[in-house]
Amino acid sequence: MSALPHTLTLKVPFADARLAGIAKRSLMVDRELSEGKVSRKIGTQDSMLIATFSADTLRMLRVSVNGFMDSLILVSKTLDAFA
């Protein structure tokens, strides 16, 4: 399969590096459902969570990012409540 042509990088700030790391570990648990059609890499840089998505179609990119955002919102609300 050729390289995935559509790419999006999200940078999400957290209050500190510890919270960004917790968010990263929480979000890495879920695999992409369409492996081969979508690639997701999650990392941190200081207090920033960085997620890069690549997909073979714009639709697959949108679906993947939407699912990630739903999970990110849940993780962020949980961190706000308990951290």
PDB file of N, CA and C in Angstrom:
ATOM      1  N   MET A   1       0.849  -1.180   0.000  1.00  0.00           N
ATOM      2  CA  MET A   1       0.000   0.000   0.000  1.00  0.00           C
ATOM      3  C   MET A   1       0.892   1.241   0.000  1.00  0.00           C
ATOM      4  N   SER A   2       0.500   2.247  -0.765  1.00  0.00           N
ATOM      5  CA  SER A   2       1.286   3.480  -0.813  1.00  0.00           C
ATOM      6  C   SER A   2       1.058   4.298   0.447  1.00  0.00           C
ATOM      7  N   ALA A   3       1.846   5.348   0.575  1.00  0.00           N
ATOM      8  CA  ALA A   3       1.742   6.219   1.757  1.00  0.00           C
ATOM      9  C   ALA A   3       0.336   6.796   1.860  1.00  0.00           C
ATOM     10  N   LEU A   4      -0.083   7.030   3.080  1.00  0.00           N
ATOM     11  CA  LEU A   4      -1.406   7.600   3.322  1.00  0.00           C
ATOM     12  C   LEU A   4      -1.334   9.106   3.051  1.00  0.00           C
ATOM     13  N   PRO A   5      -2.095   9.616   2.062  1.00  0.00           N
ATOM     14  CA  PRO A   5      -1.891  10.976   1.574  1.00  0.00           C
ATOM     15  C   PRO A   5      -2.479  12.105   2.422  1.00  0.00           C
ATOM     16  N   HIS A   6      -3.448  11.820   3.254  1.00  0.00           N
ATOM     17  CA  HIS A   6      -4.125  12.875   4.018  1.00  0.00           C
ATOM     18  C   HIS A   6      -3.648  12.843   5.470  1.00  0.00           C
ATOM     19  N   THR A   7      -3.175  13.988   5.961  1.00  0.00           N
ATOM     20  CA  THR A   7      -2.575  14.043   7.293  1.00  0.00           C
ATOM     21  C   THR A   7      -3.114  15.223   8.083  1.00  0.00           C
ATOM     22  N   LEU A   8      -3.277  15.016   9.392  1.00  0.00           N
ATOM     23  CA  LEU A   8      -3.687  16.073  10.313  1.00  0.00           C
ATOM     24  C   LEU A   8      -2.909  15.894  11.608  1.00  0.00           C
ATOM     25  N   THR A   9      -2.379  16.986  12.138  1.00  0.00           N
ATOM     26  CA  THR A   9      -1.695  16.961  13.426  1.00  0.00           C
ATOM     27  C   THR A   9      -2.433  17.864  14.397  1.00  0.00           C
ATOM     28  N   LEU A  10      -2.792  17.307  15.555  1.00  0.00           N
ATOM     29  CA  LEU A  10      -3.448  18.060  16.626  1.00  0.00           C
ATOM     30  C   LEU A  10      -2.445  18.285  17.748  1.00  0.00           C
ATOM     31  N   LYS A  11      -2.411  19.495  18.261  1.00  0.00           N
ATOM     32  CA  LYS A  11      -1.584  19.817  19.424  1.00  0.00           C
ATOM     33  C   LYS A  11      -2.517  20.325  20.511  1.00  0.00           C
ATOM     34  N   VAL A  12      -2.557  19.591  21.619  1.00  0.00           N
ATOM     35  CA  VAL A  12      -3.488  19.889  22.705  1.00  0.00           C
ATOM     36  C   VAL A  12      -2.691  20.244  23.953  1.00  0.00           C
ATOM     37  N   PRO A  13      -2.838  21.474  24.451  1.00  0.00           N
ATOM     38  CA  PRO A  13      -2.092  21.865  25.652  1.00  0.00           C
ATOM     39  C   PRO A  13      -2.743  21.324  26.923  1.00  0.00           C
ATOM     40  N   PHE A  14      -1.895  20.890  27.855  1.00  0.00           N
ATOM     41  CA  PHE A  14      -2.346  20.490  29.184  1.00  0.00           C
ATOM     42  C   PHE A  14      -1.650  21.371  30.209  1.00  0.00           C
ATOM     43  N   ALA A  15      -2.117  21.329  31.436  1.00  0.00           N
ATOM     44  CA  ALA A  15      -1.566  22.189  32.489  1.00  0.00           C
ATOM     45  C   ALA A  15      -0.092  21.891  32.762  1.00  0.00           C
ATOM     46  N   ASP A  16       0.295  20.619  32.636  1.00  0.00           N
ATOM     47  CA  ASP A  16       1.699  20.257  32.848  1.00  0.00           C
ATOM     48  C   ASP A  16       2.015  18.962  32.108  1.00  0.00           C
ATOM     49  N   ALA A  17       3.295  18.617  32.089  1.00  0.00           N
ATOM     50  CA  ALA A  17       3.753  17.434  31.353  1.00  0.00           C
ATOM     51  C   ALA A  17       3.181  16.140  31.927  1.00  0.00           C
ATOM     52  N   ARG A  18       2.975  16.086  33.235  1.00  0.00           N
ATOM     53  CA  ARG A  18       2.421  14.878  33.863  1.00  0.00           C
ATOM     54  C   ARG A  18       1.025  14.583  33.326  1.00  0.00           C
ATOM     55  N   LEU A  19       0.177  15.613  33.235  1.00  0.00           N
ATOM     56  CA  LEU A  19      -1.182  15.416  32.727  1.00  0.00           C
ATOM     57  C   LEU A  19      -1.173  15.052  31.245  1.00  0.00           C
ATOM     58  N   ALA A  20      -0.275  15.651  30.479  1.00  0.00           N
ATOM     59  CA  ALA A  20      -0.162  15.297  29.059  1.00  0.00           C
ATOM     60  C   ALA A  20       0.234  13.827  28.914  1.00  0.00           C
ATOM     61  N   GLY A  21       1.130  13.357  29.779  1.00  0.00           N
ATOM     62  CA  GLY A  21       1.546  11.956  29.753  1.00  0.00           C
ATOM     63  C   GLY A  21       0.421  11.006  30.126  1.00  0.00           C
ATOM     64  N   ILE A  22      -0.369  11.387  31.118  1.00  0.00           N
ATOM     65  CA  ILE A  22      -1.522  10.561  31.505  1.00  0.00           C
ATOM     66  C   ILE A  22      -2.507  10.477  30.351  1.00  0.00           C
ATOM     67  N   ALA A  23      -2.781  11.607  29.713  1.00  0.00           N
ATOM     68  CA  ALA A  23      -3.702  11.623  28.573  1.00  0.00           C
ATOM     69  C   ALA A  23      -3.168  10.740  27.446  1.00  0.00           C
ATOM     70  N   LYS A  24      -1.883  10.844  27.160  1.00  0.00           N
ATOM     71  CA  LYS A  24      -1.271  10.025  26.106  1.00  0.00           C
ATOM     72  C   LYS A  24      -1.454   8.543  26.389  1.00  0.00           C
ATOM     73  N   ARG A  25      -1.115   8.124  27.600  1.00  0.00           N
ATOM     74  CA  ARG A  25      -1.236   6.699  27.947  1.00  0.00           C
ATOM     75  C   ARG A  25      -2.690   6.232  27.905  1.00  0.00           C
ATOM     76  N   SER A  26      -3.615   7.092  28.276  1.00  0.00           N
ATOM     77  CA  SER A  26      -5.036   6.732  28.242  1.00  0.00           C
ATOM     78  C   SER A  26      -5.542   6.581  26.814  1.00  0.00           C
ATOM     79  N   LEU A  27      -5.087   7.442  25.927  1.00  0.00           N
ATOM     80  CA  LEU A  27      -5.576   7.439  24.548  1.00  0.00           C
ATOM     81  C   LEU A  27      -4.887   6.402  23.673  1.00  0.00           C
ATOM     82  N   MET A  28      -3.709   5.947  24.054  1.00  0.00           N
ATOM     83  CA  MET A  28      -2.981   4.965  23.251  1.00  0.00           C
ATOM     84  C   MET A  28      -3.578   3.563  23.353  1.00  0.00           C
ATOM     85  N   VAL A  29      -4.419   3.338  24.324  1.00  0.00           N
ATOM     86  CA  VAL A  29      -4.994   2.010  24.546  1.00  0.00           C
ATOM     87  C   VAL A  29      -5.875   1.584  23.373  1.00  0.00           C
ATOM     88  N   ASP A  30      -6.627   2.527  22.815  1.00  0.00           N
ATOM     89  CA  ASP A  30      -7.555   2.204  21.728  1.00  0.00           C
ATOM     90  C   ASP A  30      -6.821   2.148  20.395  1.00  0.00           C
ATOM     91  N   ARG A  31      -6.937   1.017  19.706  1.00  0.00           N
ATOM     92  CA  ARG A  31      -6.348   0.874  18.375  1.00  0.00           C
ATOM     93  C   ARG A  31      -7.286   1.468  17.331  1.00  0.00           C
ATOM     94  N   GLU A  32      -6.734   1.790  16.176  1.00  0.00           N
ATOM     95  CA  GLU A  32      -7.553   2.225  15.050  1.00  0.00           C
ATOM     96  C   GLU A  32      -8.332   1.020  14.530  1.00  0.00           C
ATOM     97  N   LEU A  33      -9.604   1.228  14.225  1.00  0.00           N
ATOM     98  CA  LEU A  33     -10.429   0.131  13.724  1.00  0.00           C
ATOM     99  C   LEU A  33     -10.075  -0.235  12.284  1.00  0.00           C
ATOM    100  N   SER A  34      -9.640   0.731  11.523  1.00  0.00           N
ATOM    101  CA  SER A  34      -9.306   0.502  10.112  1.00  0.00           C
ATOM    102  C   SER A  34      -7.797   0.556   9.905  1.00  0.00           C
ATOM    103  N   GLU A  35      -7.088  -0.340  10.552  1.00  0.00           N
ATOM    104  CA  GLU A  35      -5.633  -0.371  10.398  1.00  0.00           C
ATOM    105  C   GLU A  35      -5.297  -0.626   8.933  1.00  0.00           C
ATOM    106  N   GLY A  36      -4.308   0.067   8.439  1.00  0.00           N
ATOM    107  CA  GLY A  36      -3.962  -0.011   7.029  1.00  0.00           C
ATOM    108  C   GLY A  36      -4.546   1.142   6.242  1.00  0.00           C
ATOM    109  N   LYS A  37      -5.712   1.616   6.673  1.00  0.00           N
ATOM    110  CA  LYS A  37      -6.335   2.775   6.038  1.00  0.00           C
ATOM    111  C   LYS A  37      -6.102   4.042   6.842  1.00  0.00           C
ATOM    112  N   VAL A  38      -5.834   3.875   8.140  1.00  0.00           N
ATOM    113  CA  VAL A  38      -5.617   5.019   9.029  1.00  0.00           C
ATOM    114  C   VAL A  38      -4.431   4.706   9.934  1.00  0.00           C
ATOM    115  N   SER A  39      -3.588   5.699  10.130  1.00  0.00           N
ATOM    116  CA  SER A  39      -2.461   5.589  11.051  1.00  0.00           C
ATOM    117  C   SER A  39      -2.566   6.714  12.072  1.00  0.00           C
ATOM    118  N   ARG A  40      -2.296   6.391  13.337  1.00  0.00           N
ATOM    119  CA  ARG A  40      -2.347   7.407  14.396  1.00  0.00           C
ATOM    120  C   ARG A  40      -1.099   7.272  15.256  1.00  0.00           C
ATOM    121  N   LYS A  41      -0.432   8.388  15.475  1.00  0.00           N
ATOM    122  CA  LYS A  41       0.732   8.429  16.360  1.00  0.00           C
ATOM    123  C   LYS A  41       0.463   9.473  17.429  1.00  0.00           C
ATOM    124  N   ILE A  42       0.675   9.091  18.688  1.00  0.00           N
ATOM    125  CA  ILE A  42       0.424   9.999  19.808  1.00  0.00           C
ATOM    126  C   ILE A  42       1.720  10.159  20.587  1.00  0.00           C
ATOM    127  N   GLY A  43       2.051  11.401  20.880  1.00  0.00           N
ATOM    128  CA  GLY A  43       3.247  11.687  21.659  1.00  0.00           C
ATOM    129  C   GLY A  43       3.039  12.922  22.511  1.00  0.00           C
ATOM    130  N   THR A  44       4.066  13.274  23.256  1.00  0.00           N
ATOM    131  CA  THR A  44       4.017  14.492  24.060  1.00  0.00           C
ATOM    132  C   THR A  44       5.299  15.283  23.846  1.00  0.00           C
ATOM    133  N   GLN A  45       5.179  16.571  24.061  1.00  0.00           N
ATOM    134  CA  GLN A  45       6.330  17.468  24.069  1.00  0.00           C
ATOM    135  C   GLN A  45       6.066  18.477  25.174  1.00  0.00           C
ATOM    136  N   ASP A  46       6.802  18.341  26.259  1.00  0.00           N
ATOM    137  CA  ASP A  46       6.555  19.145  27.460  1.00  0.00           C
ATOM    138  C   ASP A  46       5.108  18.919  27.901  1.00  0.00           C
ATOM    139  N   SER A  47       4.296  19.963  27.971  1.00  0.00           N
ATOM    140  CA  SER A  47       2.905  19.814  28.424  1.00  0.00           C
ATOM    141  C   SER A  47       1.926  19.710  27.257  1.00  0.00           C
ATOM    142  N   MET A  48       2.433  19.422  26.064  1.00  0.00           N
ATOM    143  CA  MET A  48       1.602  19.355  24.858  1.00  0.00           C
ATOM    144  C   MET A  48       1.404  17.905  24.433  1.00  0.00           C
ATOM    145  N   LEU A  49       0.152  17.519  24.210  1.00  0.00           N
ATOM    146  CA  LEU A  49      -0.173  16.225  23.619  1.00  0.00           C
ATOM    147  C   LEU A  49      -0.214  16.435  22.111  1.00  0.00           C
ATOM    148  N   ILE A  50       0.487  15.599  21.371  1.00  0.00           N
ATOM    149  CA  ILE A  50       0.547  15.744  19.916  1.00  0.00           C
ATOM    150  C   ILE A  50       0.057  14.446  19.287  1.00  0.00           C
ATOM    151  N   ALA A  51      -0.998  14.552  18.478  1.00  0.00           N
ATOM    152  CA  ALA A  51      -1.558  13.390  17.793  1.00  0.00           C
ATOM    153  C   ALA A  51      -1.516  13.656  16.292  1.00  0.00           C
ATOM    154  N   THR A  52      -0.904  12.739  15.556  1.00  0.00           N
ATOM    155  CA  THR A  52      -0.820  12.867  14.105  1.00  0.00           C
ATOM    156  C   THR A  52      -1.579  11.712  13.470  1.00  0.00           C
ATOM    157  N   PHE A  53      -2.487  12.060  12.579  1.00  0.00           N
ATOM    158  CA  PHE A  53      -3.323  11.091  11.879  1.00  0.00           C
ATOM    159  C   PHE A  53      -2.977  11.126  10.399  1.00  0.00           C
ATOM    160  N   SER A  54      -2.941   9.961   9.768  1.00  0.00           N
ATOM    161  CA  SER A  54      -2.791   9.854   8.320  1.00  0.00           C
ATOM    162  C   SER A  54      -3.836   8.861   7.839  1.00  0.00           C
ATOM    163  N   ALA A  55      -4.430   9.142   6.682  1.00  0.00           N
ATOM    164  CA  ALA A  55      -5.483   8.265   6.172  1.00  0.00           C
ATOM    165  C   ALA A  55      -5.469   8.247   4.652  1.00  0.00           C
ATOM    166  N   ASP A  56      -6.076   7.201   4.089  1.00  0.00           N
ATOM    167  CA  ASP A  56      -6.100   7.108   2.633  1.00  0.00           C
ATOM    168  C   ASP A  56      -7.195   7.969   2.011  1.00  0.00           C
ATOM    169  N   THR A  57      -8.229   8.335   2.781  1.00  0.00           N
ATOM    170  CA  THR A  57      -9.272   9.238   2.279  1.00  0.00           C
ATOM    171  C   THR A  57      -9.578  10.293   3.335  1.00  0.00           C
ATOM    172  N   LEU A  58     -10.121  11.401   2.888  1.00  0.00           N
ATOM    173  CA  LEU A  58     -10.511  12.448   3.829  1.00  0.00           C
ATOM    174  C   LEU A  58     -11.614  11.965   4.765  1.00  0.00           C
ATOM    175  N   ARG A  59     -12.504  11.134   4.255  1.00  0.00           N
ATOM    176  CA  ARG A  59     -13.576  10.602   5.098  1.00  0.00           C
ATOM    177  C   ARG A  59     -13.007   9.763   6.241  1.00  0.00           C
ATOM    178  N   MET A  60     -12.057   8.897   5.925  1.00  0.00           N
ATOM    179  CA  MET A  60     -11.444   8.067   6.967  1.00  0.00           C
ATOM    180  C   MET A  60     -10.691   8.932   7.975  1.00  0.00           C
ATOM    181  N   LEU A  61     -10.062   9.999   7.510  1.00  0.00           N
ATOM    182  CA  LEU A  61      -9.368  10.920   8.407  1.00  0.00           C
ATOM    183  C   LEU A  61     -10.364  11.574   9.359  1.00  0.00           C
ATOM    184  N   ARG A  62     -11.481  12.048   8.815  1.00  0.00           N
ATOM    185  CA  ARG A  62     -12.509  12.700   9.638  1.00  0.00           C
ATOM    186  C   ARG A  62     -13.079  11.741  10.677  1.00  0.00           C
ATOM    187  N   VAL A  63     -13.399  10.534  10.278  1.00  0.00           N
ATOM    188  CA  VAL A  63     -13.973   9.552  11.200  1.00  0.00           C
ATOM    189  C   VAL A  63     -12.989   9.234  12.325  1.00  0.00           C
ATOM    190  N   SER A  64     -11.737   9.059  11.978  1.00  0.00           N
ATOM    191  CA  SER A  64     -10.722   8.746  12.984  1.00  0.00           C
ATOM    192  C   SER A  64     -10.532   9.899  13.965  1.00  0.00           C
ATOM    193  N   VAL A  65     -10.436  11.112  13.448  1.00  0.00           N
ATOM    194  CA  VAL A  65     -10.237  12.280  14.312  1.00  0.00           C
ATOM    195  C   VAL A  65     -11.461  12.512  15.191  1.00  0.00           C
ATOM    196  N   ASN A  66     -12.661  12.326  14.648  1.00  0.00           N
ATOM    197  CA  ASN A  66     -13.877  12.493  15.459  1.00  0.00           C
ATOM    198  C   ASN A  66     -13.895  11.522  16.638  1.00  0.00           C
ATOM    199  N   GLY A  67     -13.559  10.274  16.391  1.00  0.00           N
ATOM    200  CA  GLY A  67     -13.516   9.291  17.474  1.00  0.00           C
ATOM    201  C   GLY A  67     -12.463   9.638  18.513  1.00  0.00           C
ATOM    202  N   PHE A  68     -11.308  10.087  18.049  1.00  0.00           N
ATOM    203  CA  PHE A  68     -10.239  10.490  18.958  1.00  0.00           C
ATOM    204  C   PHE A  68     -10.680  11.681  19.810  1.00  0.00           C
ATOM    205  N   MET A  69     -11.340  12.652  19.188  1.00  0.00           N
ATOM    206  CA  MET A  69     -11.786  13.838  19.923  1.00  0.00           C
ATOM    207  C   MET A  69     -12.800  13.468  21.006  1.00  0.00           C
ATOM    208  N   ASP A  70     -13.692  12.540  20.709  1.00  0.00           N
ATOM    209  CA  ASP A  70     -14.641  12.077  21.732  1.00  0.00           C
ATOM    210  C   ASP A  70     -13.888  11.505  22.932  1.00  0.00           C
ATOM    211  N   SER A  71     -12.894  10.685  22.664  1.00  0.00           N
ATOM    212  CA  SER A  71     -12.098  10.103  23.754  1.00  0.00           C
ATOM    213  C   SER A  71     -11.281  11.165  24.478  1.00  0.00           C
ATOM    214  N   LEU A  72     -10.727  12.101  23.734  1.00  0.00           N
ATOM    215  CA  LEU A  72      -9.934  13.177  24.329  1.00  0.00           C
ATOM    216  C   LEU A  72     -10.782  14.034  25.271  1.00  0.00           C
ATOM    217  N   ILE A  73     -12.002  14.323  24.879  1.00  0.00           N
ATOM    218  CA  ILE A  73     -12.905  15.097  25.742  1.00  0.00           C
ATOM    219  C   ILE A  73     -13.154  14.348  27.042  1.00  0.00           C
ATOM    220  N   LEU A  74     -13.411  13.048  26.956  1.00  0.00           N
ATOM    221  CA  LEU A  74     -13.645  12.241  28.153  1.00  0.00           C
ATOM    222  C   LEU A  74     -12.409  12.224  29.055  1.00  0.00           C
ATOM    223  N   VAL A  75     -11.239  12.028  28.474  1.00  0.00           N
ATOM    224  CA  VAL A  75      -9.998  12.019  29.251  1.00  0.00           C
ATOM    225  C   VAL A  75      -9.779  13.372  29.919  1.00  0.00           C
ATOM    226  N   SER A  76      -9.989  14.449  29.182  1.00  0.00           N
ATOM    227  CA  SER A  76      -9.789  15.798  29.730  1.00  0.00           C
ATOM    228  C   SER A  76     -10.735  16.083  30.888  1.00  0.00           C
ATOM    229  N   LYS A  77     -11.994  15.698  30.739  1.00  0.00           N
ATOM    230  CA  LYS A  77     -12.963  15.908  31.823  1.00  0.00           C
ATOM    231  C   LYS A  77     -12.601  15.077  33.051  1.00  0.00           C
ATOM    232  N   THR A  78     -12.129  13.862  32.831  1.00  0.00           N
ATOM    233  CA  THR A  78     -11.724  13.009  33.945  1.00  0.00           C
ATOM    234  C   THR A  78     -10.516  13.601  34.666  1.00  0.00           C
ATOM    235  N   LEU A  79      -9.541  14.087  33.913  1.00  0.00           N
ATOM    236  CA  LEU A  79      -8.373  14.721  34.528  1.00  0.00           C
ATOM    237  C   LEU A  79      -8.773  15.970  35.306  1.00  0.00           C
ATOM    238  N   ASP A  80      -9.697  16.752  34.764  1.00  0.00           N
ATOM    239  CA  ASP A  80     -10.174  17.942  35.478  1.00  0.00           C
ATOM    240  C   ASP A  80     -10.832  17.568  36.803  1.00  0.00           C
ATOM    241  N   ALA A  81     -11.551  16.451  36.796  1.00  0.00           N
ATOM    242  CA  ALA A  81     -12.283  16.042  37.998  1.00  0.00           C
ATOM    243  C   ALA A  81     -11.372  15.443  39.071  1.00  0.00           C
ATOM    244  N   PHE A  82     -10.311  14.730  38.661  1.00  0.00           N
ATOM    245  CA  PHE A  82      -9.526  13.971  39.629  1.00  0.00           C
ATOM    246  C   PHE A  82      -8.078  14.416  39.789  1.00  0.00           C
ATOM    247  N   ALA A  83      -7.568  15.215  38.882  1.00  0.00           N
ATOM    248  CA  ALA A  83      -6.143  15.585  38.961  1.00  0.00           C
ATOM    249  C   ALA A  83      -5.944  16.933  39.621  1.00  0.00           C
TER     250      ALA A  83
END
